[in-house]
N, C-alpha and C. Protein backbone atom coordinates (compact mmCIF):
# COMPACT_ATOMS: atom_id res chain seq x y z
N MET A 1 0.82 -1.19 0.00
CA MET A 1 0.00 0.00 0.00
C MET A 1 0.87 1.26 0.00
N LYS A 2 2.02 1.16 0.66
CA LYS A 2 2.92 2.29 0.73
C LYS A 2 3.39 2.69 -0.67
N HIS A 3 3.67 1.69 -1.53
CA HIS A 3 4.11 1.97 -2.89
C HIS A 3 3.04 2.71 -3.69
N PHE A 4 1.79 2.37 -3.43
CA PHE A 4 0.69 3.03 -4.13
C PHE A 4 0.68 4.52 -3.81
N TYR A 5 0.85 4.89 -2.55
CA TYR A 5 0.84 6.30 -2.15
C TYR A 5 2.03 7.05 -2.74
N VAL A 6 3.17 6.43 -2.79
CA VAL A 6 4.36 7.05 -3.39
C VAL A 6 4.13 7.28 -4.88
N PHE A 7 3.59 6.26 -5.54
CA PHE A 7 3.31 6.38 -6.97
C PHE A 7 2.27 7.47 -7.24
N ALA A 8 1.21 7.52 -6.44
CA ALA A 8 0.17 8.54 -6.59
C ALA A 8 0.74 9.93 -6.37
N ALA A 9 1.61 10.08 -5.40
CA ALA A 9 2.23 11.38 -5.13
C ALA A 9 3.09 11.83 -6.30
N ILE A 10 3.82 10.92 -6.90
CA ILE A 10 4.65 11.25 -8.06
C ILE A 10 3.79 11.70 -9.23
N ILE A 11 2.70 11.00 -9.47
CA ILE A 11 1.78 11.36 -10.56
C ILE A 11 1.18 12.74 -10.31
N ILE A 12 0.74 13.02 -9.12
CA ILE A 12 0.15 14.31 -8.79
C ILE A 12 1.17 15.43 -8.97
N LEU A 13 2.39 15.23 -8.52
CA LEU A 13 3.45 16.23 -8.70
C LEU A 13 3.73 16.47 -10.18
N ALA A 14 3.82 15.40 -10.95
CA ALA A 14 4.09 15.53 -12.38
C ALA A 14 2.98 16.31 -13.08
N LEU A 15 1.73 16.00 -12.75
CA LEU A 15 0.61 16.73 -13.35
C LEU A 15 0.62 18.20 -12.95
N GLY A 16 0.98 18.46 -11.72
CA GLY A 16 1.04 19.84 -11.25
C GLY A 16 2.10 20.66 -11.95
N VAL A 17 3.18 20.02 -12.36
CA VAL A 17 4.26 20.72 -13.05
C VAL A 17 4.00 20.83 -14.55
N PHE A 18 3.60 19.74 -15.18
CA PHE A 18 3.51 19.70 -16.64
C PHE A 18 2.18 20.16 -17.22
N LEU A 19 1.09 20.00 -16.49
CA LEU A 19 -0.22 20.39 -17.02
C LEU A 19 -0.31 21.87 -17.34
N PRO A 20 0.15 22.78 -16.48
CA PRO A 20 0.10 24.20 -16.85
C PRO A 20 0.95 24.53 -18.09
N ILE A 21 2.05 23.86 -18.26
CA ILE A 21 2.91 24.09 -19.43
C ILE A 21 2.19 23.65 -20.70
N VAL A 22 1.60 22.49 -20.69
CA VAL A 22 0.89 21.96 -21.85
C VAL A 22 -0.31 22.83 -22.19
N GLN A 23 -1.05 23.29 -21.18
CA GLN A 23 -2.23 24.10 -21.42
C GLN A 23 -1.87 25.46 -21.99
N SER A 24 -0.73 26.02 -21.67
CA SER A 24 -0.36 27.35 -22.15
C SER A 24 0.37 27.32 -23.49
N ALA A 25 0.79 26.16 -23.96
CA ALA A 25 1.59 26.09 -25.19
C ALA A 25 0.91 26.67 -26.42
N PRO A 26 -0.36 26.36 -26.75
CA PRO A 26 -0.96 26.92 -27.96
C PRO A 26 -1.03 28.45 -27.93
N GLN A 27 -1.29 29.02 -26.77
CA GLN A 27 -1.36 30.47 -26.67
C GLN A 27 0.01 31.09 -26.87
N ALA A 28 1.05 30.45 -26.39
CA ALA A 28 2.39 30.99 -26.52
C ALA A 28 2.87 30.97 -27.96
N MET A 29 2.33 30.06 -28.79
CA MET A 29 2.78 29.94 -30.16
C MET A 29 2.02 30.85 -31.12
N ALA A 30 0.89 31.43 -30.71
CA ALA A 30 0.13 32.31 -31.59
C ALA A 30 0.87 33.64 -31.74
N PRO A 31 0.88 34.21 -32.95
CA PRO A 31 1.55 35.50 -33.15
C PRO A 31 0.88 36.60 -32.33
N ALA A 32 1.65 37.60 -31.98
CA ALA A 32 1.10 38.74 -31.25
C ALA A 32 0.17 39.52 -32.17
N PRO A 33 -1.02 39.89 -31.68
CA PRO A 33 -2.02 40.49 -32.55
C PRO A 33 -1.71 41.90 -33.03
N ASN A 34 -0.91 42.68 -32.35
CA ASN A 34 -0.71 44.07 -32.73
C ASN A 34 0.71 44.38 -33.19
N VAL A 35 1.39 43.39 -33.74
CA VAL A 35 2.74 43.58 -34.22
C VAL A 35 2.69 43.84 -35.72
N GLY A 36 3.49 44.76 -36.22
CA GLY A 36 3.52 45.04 -37.64
C GLY A 36 2.65 46.22 -37.99
N LYS A 37 2.47 46.43 -39.32
CA LYS A 37 1.65 47.55 -39.76
C LYS A 37 0.79 47.12 -40.95
N GLN A 38 -0.35 47.75 -41.08
CA GLN A 38 -1.26 47.46 -42.19
C GLN A 38 -0.65 48.01 -43.49
N VAL A 39 -0.69 47.21 -44.54
CA VAL A 39 -0.14 47.61 -45.84
C VAL A 39 -1.08 47.17 -46.96
N THR A 40 -0.94 47.84 -48.09
CA THR A 40 -1.55 47.42 -49.35
C THR A 40 -0.44 47.47 -50.38
N ILE A 41 -0.11 46.30 -50.95
CA ILE A 41 1.02 46.19 -51.87
C ILE A 41 0.56 45.49 -53.14
N THR A 42 0.96 46.02 -54.28
CA THR A 42 0.65 45.42 -55.58
C THR A 42 1.92 44.78 -56.13
N GLY A 43 1.78 43.61 -56.71
CA GLY A 43 2.94 42.95 -57.28
C GLY A 43 2.59 41.63 -57.94
N GLU A 44 3.63 40.88 -58.27
CA GLU A 44 3.47 39.58 -58.92
C GLU A 44 3.21 38.51 -57.85
N PHE A 45 2.19 37.72 -58.09
CA PHE A 45 1.77 36.65 -57.18
C PHE A 45 2.32 35.34 -57.72
N SER A 46 3.23 34.71 -56.97
CA SER A 46 3.89 33.51 -57.48
C SER A 46 4.18 32.54 -56.34
N CYS A 47 4.93 31.51 -56.69
CA CYS A 47 5.41 30.56 -55.69
C CYS A 47 6.78 31.01 -55.21
N THR A 48 7.13 30.64 -54.02
CA THR A 48 8.42 31.04 -53.46
C THR A 48 9.58 30.33 -54.15
N SER A 49 9.42 29.06 -54.44
CA SER A 49 10.50 28.24 -55.00
C SER A 49 11.06 28.82 -56.30
N CYS A 50 10.21 29.04 -57.28
CA CYS A 50 10.69 29.51 -58.59
C CYS A 50 11.22 30.94 -58.52
N LYS A 51 10.56 31.80 -57.74
CA LYS A 51 10.98 33.20 -57.67
C LYS A 51 12.33 33.33 -56.98
N LEU A 52 12.57 32.55 -55.96
CA LEU A 52 13.88 32.61 -55.30
C LEU A 52 14.98 32.02 -56.18
N ALA A 53 14.62 31.02 -56.98
CA ALA A 53 15.61 30.41 -57.87
C ALA A 53 16.05 31.39 -58.96
N ASP A 54 15.11 32.22 -59.47
CA ASP A 54 15.44 33.18 -60.51
C ASP A 54 14.52 34.39 -60.38
N PRO A 55 14.89 35.37 -59.55
CA PRO A 55 14.01 36.51 -59.28
C PRO A 55 13.62 37.35 -60.50
N LYS A 56 14.43 37.32 -61.57
CA LYS A 56 14.13 38.16 -62.73
C LYS A 56 13.09 37.55 -63.66
N ASN A 57 12.88 36.25 -63.58
CA ASN A 57 11.92 35.60 -64.46
C ASN A 57 10.57 35.44 -63.78
N SER A 58 9.52 35.56 -64.57
CA SER A 58 8.17 35.32 -64.07
C SER A 58 7.87 33.83 -64.19
N CYS A 59 7.14 33.34 -63.25
CA CYS A 59 6.73 31.93 -63.26
C CYS A 59 5.33 31.86 -63.84
N SER A 60 5.04 30.84 -64.62
CA SER A 60 3.70 30.69 -65.19
C SER A 60 2.72 30.28 -64.10
N GLY A 61 1.44 30.55 -64.33
CA GLY A 61 0.41 30.17 -63.37
C GLY A 61 0.38 28.67 -63.13
N ASP A 62 0.54 27.87 -64.20
CA ASP A 62 0.53 26.41 -64.05
C ASP A 62 1.69 25.93 -63.19
N CYS A 63 2.86 26.50 -63.42
CA CYS A 63 4.04 26.12 -62.63
C CYS A 63 3.82 26.49 -61.16
N CYS A 64 3.33 27.71 -60.94
CA CYS A 64 3.09 28.16 -59.56
C CYS A 64 2.06 27.29 -58.85
N ARG A 65 1.00 26.92 -59.55
CA ARG A 65 -0.02 26.07 -58.94
C ARG A 65 0.58 24.72 -58.54
N ALA A 66 1.46 24.19 -59.39
CA ALA A 66 2.11 22.91 -59.06
C ALA A 66 3.00 23.07 -57.83
N CYS A 67 3.73 24.17 -57.76
CA CYS A 67 4.61 24.40 -56.60
C CYS A 67 3.80 24.58 -55.32
N ILE A 68 2.71 25.36 -55.40
CA ILE A 68 1.87 25.59 -54.22
C ILE A 68 1.22 24.28 -53.77
N ASN A 69 0.75 23.49 -54.73
CA ASN A 69 0.15 22.19 -54.39
C ASN A 69 1.17 21.26 -53.76
N ALA A 70 2.45 21.45 -54.09
CA ALA A 70 3.51 20.63 -53.50
C ALA A 70 3.90 21.12 -52.11
N GLY A 71 3.39 22.30 -51.71
CA GLY A 71 3.66 22.78 -50.36
C GLY A 71 4.45 24.07 -50.26
N ASP A 72 4.87 24.64 -51.39
CA ASP A 72 5.60 25.91 -51.33
C ASP A 72 4.66 27.03 -50.89
N PRO A 73 5.15 27.98 -50.11
CA PRO A 73 4.30 29.10 -49.72
C PRO A 73 4.15 30.10 -50.87
N PRO A 74 3.01 30.79 -50.93
CA PRO A 74 2.83 31.82 -51.96
C PRO A 74 3.69 33.04 -51.64
N LEU A 75 4.00 33.81 -52.68
CA LEU A 75 4.92 34.94 -52.56
C LEU A 75 4.39 36.11 -53.34
N LEU A 76 4.59 37.31 -52.84
CA LEU A 76 4.28 38.55 -53.55
C LEU A 76 5.59 39.28 -53.77
N THR A 77 5.87 39.69 -55.01
CA THR A 77 7.07 40.47 -55.33
C THR A 77 6.62 41.81 -55.87
N ASP A 78 6.99 42.90 -55.20
CA ASP A 78 6.57 44.23 -55.65
C ASP A 78 7.46 44.74 -56.77
N GLU A 79 7.17 45.92 -57.28
CA GLU A 79 7.90 46.47 -58.43
C GLU A 79 9.36 46.78 -58.12
N LYS A 80 9.72 46.90 -56.85
CA LYS A 80 11.11 47.15 -56.45
C LYS A 80 11.89 45.85 -56.24
N GLY A 81 11.20 44.72 -56.37
CA GLY A 81 11.85 43.43 -56.17
C GLY A 81 11.77 42.91 -54.74
N GLN A 82 11.09 43.65 -53.86
CA GLN A 82 10.91 43.19 -52.48
C GLN A 82 9.96 41.99 -52.48
N MET A 83 10.32 40.95 -51.75
CA MET A 83 9.52 39.73 -51.70
C MET A 83 8.87 39.59 -50.33
N TYR A 84 7.61 39.15 -50.35
CA TYR A 84 6.82 38.98 -49.14
C TYR A 84 6.18 37.59 -49.17
N ILE A 85 6.47 36.78 -48.17
CA ILE A 85 5.78 35.51 -48.05
C ILE A 85 4.37 35.82 -47.58
N LEU A 86 3.38 35.19 -48.20
CA LEU A 86 1.99 35.44 -47.85
C LEU A 86 1.49 34.36 -46.90
N LEU A 87 0.88 34.80 -45.80
CA LEU A 87 0.42 33.89 -44.75
C LEU A 87 -1.08 34.04 -44.53
N SER A 88 -1.71 32.97 -44.11
CA SER A 88 -3.12 33.02 -43.76
C SER A 88 -3.26 33.50 -42.32
N GLY A 89 -4.41 33.98 -42.00
CA GLY A 89 -4.69 34.40 -40.63
C GLY A 89 -4.78 35.90 -40.51
N ILE A 90 -5.71 36.34 -39.69
CA ILE A 90 -5.89 37.77 -39.46
C ILE A 90 -5.79 38.02 -37.96
N PRO A 91 -4.75 38.72 -37.52
CA PRO A 91 -4.61 38.98 -36.09
C PRO A 91 -5.45 40.17 -35.62
N GLU A 92 -6.75 40.09 -35.81
CA GLU A 92 -7.67 41.13 -35.35
C GLU A 92 -8.77 40.47 -34.54
N ASN A 93 -9.13 41.08 -33.42
CA ASN A 93 -10.18 40.55 -32.55
C ASN A 93 -9.92 39.08 -32.23
N GLY A 94 -8.73 38.78 -31.80
CA GLY A 94 -8.33 37.39 -31.60
C GLY A 94 -7.68 36.90 -32.88
N TRP A 95 -7.27 35.69 -32.90
CA TRP A 95 -6.58 35.14 -34.07
C TRP A 95 -7.56 34.34 -34.90
N VAL A 96 -7.82 34.78 -36.13
CA VAL A 96 -8.79 34.13 -37.00
C VAL A 96 -8.04 33.51 -38.18
N GLN A 97 -8.10 32.21 -38.31
CA GLN A 97 -7.48 31.54 -39.46
C GLN A 97 -8.43 31.62 -40.65
N GLN A 98 -7.88 31.85 -41.80
CA GLN A 98 -8.66 31.83 -43.02
C GLN A 98 -7.85 31.10 -44.08
N GLN A 99 -8.52 30.54 -45.05
CA GLN A 99 -7.83 29.82 -46.10
C GLN A 99 -7.35 30.82 -47.14
N LEU A 100 -6.05 30.91 -47.30
CA LEU A 100 -5.47 31.85 -48.26
C LEU A 100 -5.54 31.28 -49.67
N MET A 101 -5.11 30.06 -49.84
CA MET A 101 -5.09 29.45 -51.17
C MET A 101 -6.35 28.62 -51.37
N ASN A 102 -7.18 29.09 -52.28
CA ASN A 102 -8.43 28.43 -52.64
C ASN A 102 -8.52 28.45 -54.17
N PRO A 103 -9.53 27.86 -54.77
CA PRO A 103 -9.59 27.84 -56.24
C PRO A 103 -9.49 29.23 -56.88
N GLU A 104 -10.10 30.23 -56.26
CA GLU A 104 -10.05 31.59 -56.83
C GLU A 104 -8.64 32.17 -56.78
N THR A 105 -7.97 32.08 -55.62
CA THR A 105 -6.62 32.64 -55.52
C THR A 105 -5.61 31.80 -56.31
N MET A 106 -5.84 30.50 -56.42
CA MET A 106 -4.94 29.66 -57.22
C MET A 106 -4.93 30.12 -58.68
N MET A 107 -6.07 30.59 -59.17
CA MET A 107 -6.15 31.05 -60.57
C MET A 107 -5.45 32.40 -60.76
N MET A 108 -5.17 33.12 -59.69
CA MET A 108 -4.46 34.40 -59.77
C MET A 108 -2.95 34.23 -59.85
N LEU A 109 -2.44 33.03 -59.52
CA LEU A 109 -1.00 32.80 -59.51
C LEU A 109 -0.38 33.09 -60.87
N GLY A 110 0.77 33.73 -60.85
CA GLY A 110 1.47 34.10 -62.07
C GLY A 110 1.06 35.46 -62.59
N GLY A 111 0.09 36.09 -61.94
CA GLY A 111 -0.40 37.39 -62.39
C GLY A 111 -0.14 38.48 -61.37
N LYS A 112 -0.66 39.65 -61.67
CA LYS A 112 -0.52 40.81 -60.81
C LYS A 112 -1.72 40.89 -59.86
N VAL A 113 -1.44 41.12 -58.58
CA VAL A 113 -2.48 41.21 -57.56
C VAL A 113 -2.17 42.36 -56.60
N THR A 114 -3.19 42.74 -55.85
CA THR A 114 -3.02 43.69 -54.76
C THR A 114 -3.39 42.97 -53.47
N VAL A 115 -2.47 43.02 -52.52
CA VAL A 115 -2.63 42.34 -51.24
C VAL A 115 -2.75 43.39 -50.14
N THR A 116 -3.74 43.22 -49.28
CA THR A 116 -3.89 44.05 -48.09
C THR A 116 -3.75 43.13 -46.89
N GLY A 117 -2.99 43.59 -45.91
CA GLY A 117 -2.80 42.78 -44.72
C GLY A 117 -1.83 43.40 -43.75
N LEU A 118 -1.37 42.59 -42.83
CA LEU A 118 -0.46 43.02 -41.78
C LEU A 118 0.96 42.60 -42.13
N LEU A 119 1.84 43.58 -42.33
CA LEU A 119 3.24 43.31 -42.67
C LEU A 119 4.03 43.05 -41.40
N ILE A 120 4.73 41.92 -41.39
CA ILE A 120 5.59 41.52 -40.27
C ILE A 120 7.00 41.37 -40.82
N LYS A 121 7.96 42.01 -40.16
CA LYS A 121 9.36 41.88 -40.58
C LYS A 121 10.14 41.21 -39.47
N GLY A 122 10.86 40.16 -39.87
CA GLY A 122 11.73 39.47 -38.94
C GLY A 122 13.17 39.65 -39.40
N THR A 123 14.08 38.98 -38.77
CA THR A 123 15.47 39.07 -39.18
C THR A 123 15.65 38.31 -40.48
N GLY A 124 15.83 39.03 -41.57
CA GLY A 124 16.07 38.41 -42.87
C GLY A 124 14.84 37.92 -43.59
N ILE A 125 13.64 38.22 -43.09
CA ILE A 125 12.42 37.75 -43.75
C ILE A 125 11.29 38.74 -43.49
N GLN A 126 10.39 38.83 -44.46
CA GLN A 126 9.18 39.63 -44.25
C GLN A 126 7.99 38.86 -44.80
N ALA A 127 6.87 39.06 -44.16
CA ALA A 127 5.67 38.33 -44.54
C ALA A 127 4.46 39.23 -44.35
N ILE A 128 3.38 38.86 -45.03
CA ILE A 128 2.12 39.58 -44.87
C ILE A 128 1.04 38.58 -44.47
N TYR A 129 0.39 38.85 -43.33
CA TYR A 129 -0.80 38.10 -42.97
C TYR A 129 -1.92 38.70 -43.81
N VAL A 130 -2.40 37.95 -44.78
CA VAL A 130 -3.31 38.47 -45.80
C VAL A 130 -4.73 38.62 -45.27
N LYS A 131 -5.23 39.84 -45.41
CA LYS A 131 -6.63 40.12 -45.10
C LYS A 131 -7.46 40.05 -46.37
N ASN A 132 -6.88 40.54 -47.48
CA ASN A 132 -7.60 40.56 -48.75
C ASN A 132 -6.59 40.46 -49.89
N ILE A 133 -6.98 39.74 -50.93
CA ILE A 133 -6.16 39.64 -52.14
C ILE A 133 -7.09 39.75 -53.34
N LYS A 134 -6.72 40.64 -54.27
CA LYS A 134 -7.56 40.81 -55.45
C LYS A 134 -6.69 40.92 -56.69
N LYS A 135 -7.24 40.45 -57.80
CA LYS A 135 -6.53 40.46 -59.08
C LYS A 135 -6.55 41.88 -59.64
N ASP A 136 -5.41 42.29 -60.22
CA ASP A 136 -5.32 43.61 -60.87
C ASP A 136 -5.50 43.47 -62.36
């Protein structure tokens, strides 16, 4: 019986230590809602893979769709050559996930679009949490 109490005490201590950590993990991983600035940027809508391989060449819509379907993130390149990885989610009134790539946006790949969203700059990378994307 003594072993049972020791075992129960160990389990209770472990739950007391690890349960708060596990419960707080999803909140700690969500982006901060008020970081960055709202932007509207027009540029070429493509896949990251092909544009990084050769920034001066445009990628065809079919090629970009294949790359996106394979898992590459979408990319916006403005007229100055600045590249922005496009991300889903709107950090307003809590964190709202939305589907960025759908049949309509997939058909815009390889063309010119205007993106509105929240610009986030990190060390060596910039991204836009897309609120709206429309074909130009």
